[in-house]
């Protein structure tokens, strides 16, 4: 299965995979509004051997086949342990 990967120029680390190049009509209105504009960054074949840096290739293929798109959001930011209150204020 071939996929076209676009990065969101609004939300860093967010990517949209599309089954058809430039077919943004398949996106829900809320996804489109939250993440547009987009820039094409990669054309990729998602076969059984393909590993993705983040996410599950089987899940991406399933979403592309059923919905025509897959959204990959950035991972949650880990909280810096030095910013929490350790209760050491005297």
N, C-alpha and C. Protein backbone atom coordinates (compact mmCIF):
# COMPACT_ATOMS: atom_id res chain seq x y z
N UNK A 1 0.85 -1.18 0.00
CA UNK A 1 0.00 0.00 0.00
C UNK A 1 0.89 1.24 0.00
N UNK A 2 0.56 2.17 -0.85
CA UNK A 2 1.32 3.40 -0.98
C UNK A 2 0.67 4.48 -0.09
N UNK A 3 1.49 5.31 0.54
CA UNK A 3 0.98 6.38 1.39
C UNK A 3 1.76 7.67 1.12
N UNK A 4 1.07 8.76 1.31
CA UNK A 4 1.66 10.09 1.19
C UNK A 4 1.62 10.72 2.57
N UNK A 5 2.78 11.15 3.05
CA UNK A 5 2.88 11.66 4.41
C UNK A 5 3.08 13.18 4.37
N UNK A 6 2.24 13.86 5.12
CA UNK A 6 2.28 15.33 5.20
C UNK A 6 2.52 15.73 6.63
N UNK A 7 3.38 16.73 6.82
CA UNK A 7 3.54 17.26 8.17
C UNK A 7 2.64 18.47 8.31
N UNK A 8 2.15 18.65 9.53
CA UNK A 8 1.35 19.83 9.83
C UNK A 8 2.29 21.00 10.03
N UNK A 9 2.00 22.10 9.39
CA UNK A 9 2.80 23.31 9.60
C UNK A 9 2.28 24.12 10.78
N UNK A 10 1.18 23.66 11.37
CA UNK A 10 0.60 24.34 12.52
C UNK A 10 1.00 23.65 13.83
N UNK A 11 1.01 22.32 13.86
CA UNK A 11 1.29 21.58 15.09
C UNK A 11 2.54 20.73 14.87
N UNK A 12 3.61 21.11 15.54
CA UNK A 12 4.87 20.41 15.38
C UNK A 12 4.75 18.95 15.82
N UNK A 13 5.29 18.07 15.00
CA UNK A 13 5.29 16.65 15.32
C UNK A 13 4.04 15.91 14.88
N UNK A 14 3.07 16.62 14.28
CA UNK A 14 1.84 15.98 13.80
C UNK A 14 1.98 15.69 12.31
N UNK A 15 1.58 14.48 11.93
CA UNK A 15 1.66 14.04 10.53
C UNK A 15 0.34 13.42 10.11
N UNK A 16 0.02 13.58 8.84
CA UNK A 16 -1.17 12.97 8.26
C UNK A 16 -0.71 12.07 7.12
N UNK A 17 -1.13 10.81 7.16
CA UNK A 17 -0.88 9.86 6.08
C UNK A 17 -2.13 9.82 5.22
N UNK A 18 -1.98 9.96 3.91
CA UNK A 18 -3.12 9.89 3.00
C UNK A 18 -2.93 8.74 2.01
N UNK A 19 -4.02 8.08 1.66
CA UNK A 19 -3.97 7.00 0.68
C UNK A 19 -3.84 7.57 -0.73
N UNK A 20 -4.36 8.76 -0.95
CA UNK A 20 -4.32 9.42 -2.26
C UNK A 20 -3.65 10.78 -2.09
N UNK A 21 -2.69 11.05 -2.95
CA UNK A 21 -1.95 12.31 -2.85
C UNK A 21 -2.88 13.51 -2.90
N UNK A 22 -2.67 14.42 -1.94
CA UNK A 22 -3.39 15.69 -1.83
C UNK A 22 -4.90 15.55 -1.66
N UNK A 23 -5.37 14.40 -1.19
CA UNK A 23 -6.80 14.18 -0.99
C UNK A 23 -7.21 14.58 0.43
N UNK A 24 -7.18 15.88 0.70
CA UNK A 24 -7.51 16.38 2.03
C UNK A 24 -9.02 16.38 2.29
N UNK A 25 -9.81 16.11 1.26
CA UNK A 25 -11.27 16.04 1.42
C UNK A 25 -11.68 14.90 2.33
N UNK A 26 -10.85 13.86 2.45
CA UNK A 26 -11.21 12.71 3.29
C UNK A 26 -11.02 13.00 4.78
N UNK A 27 -10.29 14.07 5.11
CA UNK A 27 -10.08 14.43 6.52
C UNK A 27 -11.35 14.99 7.13
N UNK A 28 -11.55 14.69 8.41
CA UNK A 28 -12.67 15.32 9.10
C UNK A 28 -12.39 16.82 9.21
N UNK A 29 -13.45 17.59 9.33
CA UNK A 29 -13.31 19.04 9.39
C UNK A 29 -12.45 19.47 10.59
N UNK A 30 -12.64 18.80 11.73
CA UNK A 30 -11.89 19.17 12.93
C UNK A 30 -10.40 18.88 12.76
N UNK A 31 -10.05 17.76 12.14
CA UNK A 31 -8.64 17.43 11.90
C UNK A 31 -8.05 18.42 10.92
N UNK A 32 -8.78 18.70 9.86
CA UNK A 32 -8.29 19.63 8.85
C UNK A 32 -8.03 21.01 9.43
N UNK A 33 -8.99 21.52 10.20
CA UNK A 33 -8.83 22.85 10.80
C UNK A 33 -7.69 22.90 11.81
N UNK A 34 -7.53 21.85 12.60
CA UNK A 34 -6.52 21.84 13.66
C UNK A 34 -5.10 21.73 13.12
N UNK A 35 -4.93 21.08 11.98
CA UNK A 35 -3.57 20.77 11.52
C UNK A 35 -3.13 21.49 10.25
N UNK A 36 -4.06 22.05 9.47
CA UNK A 36 -3.64 22.71 8.23
C UNK A 36 -2.84 23.95 8.51
N UNK A 37 -1.98 24.37 7.65
CA UNK A 37 -1.61 23.85 6.35
C UNK A 37 -0.66 22.65 6.47
N UNK A 38 -0.54 21.92 5.36
CA UNK A 38 0.28 20.73 5.31
C UNK A 38 1.39 20.86 4.27
N UNK A 39 2.47 20.11 4.49
CA UNK A 39 3.56 20.05 3.52
C UNK A 39 3.90 18.58 3.30
N UNK A 40 3.96 18.17 2.04
CA UNK A 40 4.32 16.80 1.70
C UNK A 40 5.77 16.56 2.09
N UNK A 41 6.01 15.50 2.85
CA UNK A 41 7.37 15.20 3.28
C UNK A 41 7.87 13.84 2.83
N UNK A 42 6.94 12.92 2.45
CA UNK A 42 7.38 11.56 2.15
C UNK A 42 6.31 10.81 1.36
N UNK A 43 6.76 10.03 0.39
CA UNK A 43 5.94 9.04 -0.28
C UNK A 43 6.54 7.70 0.10
N UNK A 44 5.72 6.78 0.62
CA UNK A 44 6.25 5.54 1.16
C UNK A 44 5.32 4.38 0.82
N UNK A 45 5.92 3.21 0.63
CA UNK A 45 5.15 1.99 0.47
C UNK A 45 5.11 1.29 1.81
N UNK A 46 3.92 1.06 2.31
CA UNK A 46 3.73 0.42 3.61
C UNK A 46 3.47 -1.07 3.39
N UNK A 47 4.54 -1.83 3.28
CA UNK A 47 4.39 -3.27 3.15
C UNK A 47 4.62 -3.94 4.50
N UNK A 48 4.53 -5.24 4.55
CA UNK A 48 4.66 -5.97 5.82
C UNK A 48 6.00 -5.79 6.50
N UNK A 49 7.04 -5.48 5.76
CA UNK A 49 8.38 -5.33 6.33
C UNK A 49 8.67 -3.91 6.80
N UNK A 50 7.81 -2.97 6.47
CA UNK A 50 8.06 -1.55 6.77
C UNK A 50 7.91 -1.29 8.26
N UNK A 51 8.93 -0.70 8.86
CA UNK A 51 8.89 -0.24 10.25
C UNK A 51 8.72 1.28 10.23
N UNK A 52 7.88 1.79 11.09
CA UNK A 52 7.71 3.22 11.21
C UNK A 52 8.42 3.71 12.46
N UNK A 53 8.91 4.94 12.42
CA UNK A 53 9.61 5.51 13.57
C UNK A 53 8.68 5.59 14.77
N UNK A 54 7.45 6.01 14.54
CA UNK A 54 6.42 6.06 15.58
C UNK A 54 5.15 5.48 14.99
N UNK A 55 4.49 4.67 15.72
CA UNK A 55 3.24 4.12 15.23
C UNK A 55 3.40 2.72 14.68
N UNK A 56 2.27 2.13 14.41
CA UNK A 56 2.19 0.75 13.96
C UNK A 56 1.79 0.76 12.49
N UNK A 57 2.61 0.16 11.64
CA UNK A 57 2.35 0.15 10.21
C UNK A 57 1.03 -0.56 9.88
N UNK A 58 0.69 -1.61 10.63
CA UNK A 58 -0.58 -2.31 10.39
C UNK A 58 -1.77 -1.39 10.67
N UNK A 59 -1.68 -0.61 11.73
CA UNK A 59 -2.74 0.34 12.08
C UNK A 59 -2.87 1.42 11.01
N UNK A 60 -1.73 1.91 10.52
CA UNK A 60 -1.75 2.94 9.48
C UNK A 60 -2.40 2.38 8.21
N UNK A 61 -2.00 1.18 7.81
CA UNK A 61 -2.58 0.55 6.62
C UNK A 61 -4.10 0.36 6.78
N UNK A 62 -4.52 -0.08 7.95
CA UNK A 62 -5.95 -0.28 8.22
C UNK A 62 -6.72 1.04 8.10
N UNK A 63 -6.19 2.10 8.70
CA UNK A 63 -6.84 3.41 8.63
C UNK A 63 -6.90 3.92 7.19
N UNK A 64 -5.82 3.73 6.44
CA UNK A 64 -5.81 4.19 5.05
C UNK A 64 -6.84 3.43 4.22
N UNK A 65 -6.98 2.14 4.48
CA UNK A 65 -7.94 1.32 3.71
C UNK A 65 -9.38 1.66 4.06
N UNK A 66 -9.66 1.97 5.33
CA UNK A 66 -11.04 2.21 5.74
C UNK A 66 -11.46 3.68 5.67
N UNK A 67 -10.53 4.59 6.03
CA UNK A 67 -10.88 6.01 6.10
C UNK A 67 -10.19 6.86 5.04
N UNK A 68 -9.09 6.35 4.49
CA UNK A 68 -8.33 7.12 3.52
C UNK A 68 -7.25 7.98 4.14
N UNK A 69 -7.17 8.00 5.48
CA UNK A 69 -6.15 8.80 6.15
C UNK A 69 -5.82 8.20 7.52
N UNK A 70 -4.67 8.62 8.05
CA UNK A 70 -4.25 8.26 9.40
C UNK A 70 -3.56 9.49 9.97
N UNK A 71 -3.85 9.82 11.22
CA UNK A 71 -3.23 10.97 11.87
C UNK A 71 -2.26 10.47 12.93
N UNK A 72 -1.05 11.00 12.88
CA UNK A 72 -0.03 10.67 13.87
C UNK A 72 0.30 11.95 14.64
N UNK A 73 -0.06 11.95 15.90
CA UNK A 73 0.20 13.11 16.75
C UNK A 73 1.53 12.94 17.47
N UNK A 74 2.15 14.04 17.91
CA UNK A 74 3.42 13.93 18.64
C UNK A 74 3.21 13.23 19.98
N UNK A 75 4.25 12.56 20.46
CA UNK A 75 4.12 11.92 21.77
C UNK A 75 3.96 12.98 22.86
N UNK A 76 3.33 12.61 23.98
CA UNK A 76 3.19 13.59 25.07
C UNK A 76 4.57 13.98 25.61
N UNK A 77 4.67 15.22 25.99
CA UNK A 77 5.93 15.73 26.53
C UNK A 77 6.07 15.22 27.96
N UNK A 78 7.19 14.59 28.24
CA UNK A 78 7.44 14.12 29.61
C UNK A 78 7.69 15.31 30.51
N UNK A 79 7.14 15.23 31.67
CA UNK A 79 7.34 16.32 32.62
C UNK A 79 8.73 16.21 33.21
N UNK A 80 9.42 17.31 33.28
CA UNK A 80 10.76 17.37 33.87
C UNK A 80 10.64 17.11 35.36
N UNK A 81 11.31 16.07 35.90
CA UNK A 81 11.19 15.76 37.32
C UNK A 81 11.69 16.88 38.23
N UNK A 82 12.51 17.76 37.71
CA UNK A 82 13.04 18.85 38.53
C UNK A 82 12.04 20.00 38.66
N UNK A 83 10.93 19.95 37.91
CA UNK A 83 9.95 21.04 38.00
C UNK A 83 8.85 20.74 39.00
N UNK A 84 8.78 19.51 39.49
CA UNK A 84 7.71 19.18 40.43
C UNK A 84 8.11 19.59 41.84
N UNK A 85 7.10 19.72 42.68
CA UNK A 85 7.32 20.09 44.07
C UNK A 85 7.72 18.85 44.87
N UNK A 86 8.91 18.85 45.38
CA UNK A 86 9.42 17.70 46.14
C UNK A 86 9.17 17.86 47.62
N UNK A 87 8.56 18.94 48.01
CA UNK A 87 8.26 19.17 49.43
C UNK A 87 9.50 19.46 50.28
N UNK A 88 10.53 20.04 49.65
CA UNK A 88 11.78 20.30 50.39
C UNK A 88 11.92 21.75 50.83
N UNK A 89 10.89 22.57 50.56
CA UNK A 89 10.97 23.96 50.99
C UNK A 89 10.91 24.04 52.50
N UNK A 90 11.86 24.73 53.08
CA UNK A 90 11.92 24.84 54.54
C UNK A 90 11.30 26.12 55.01
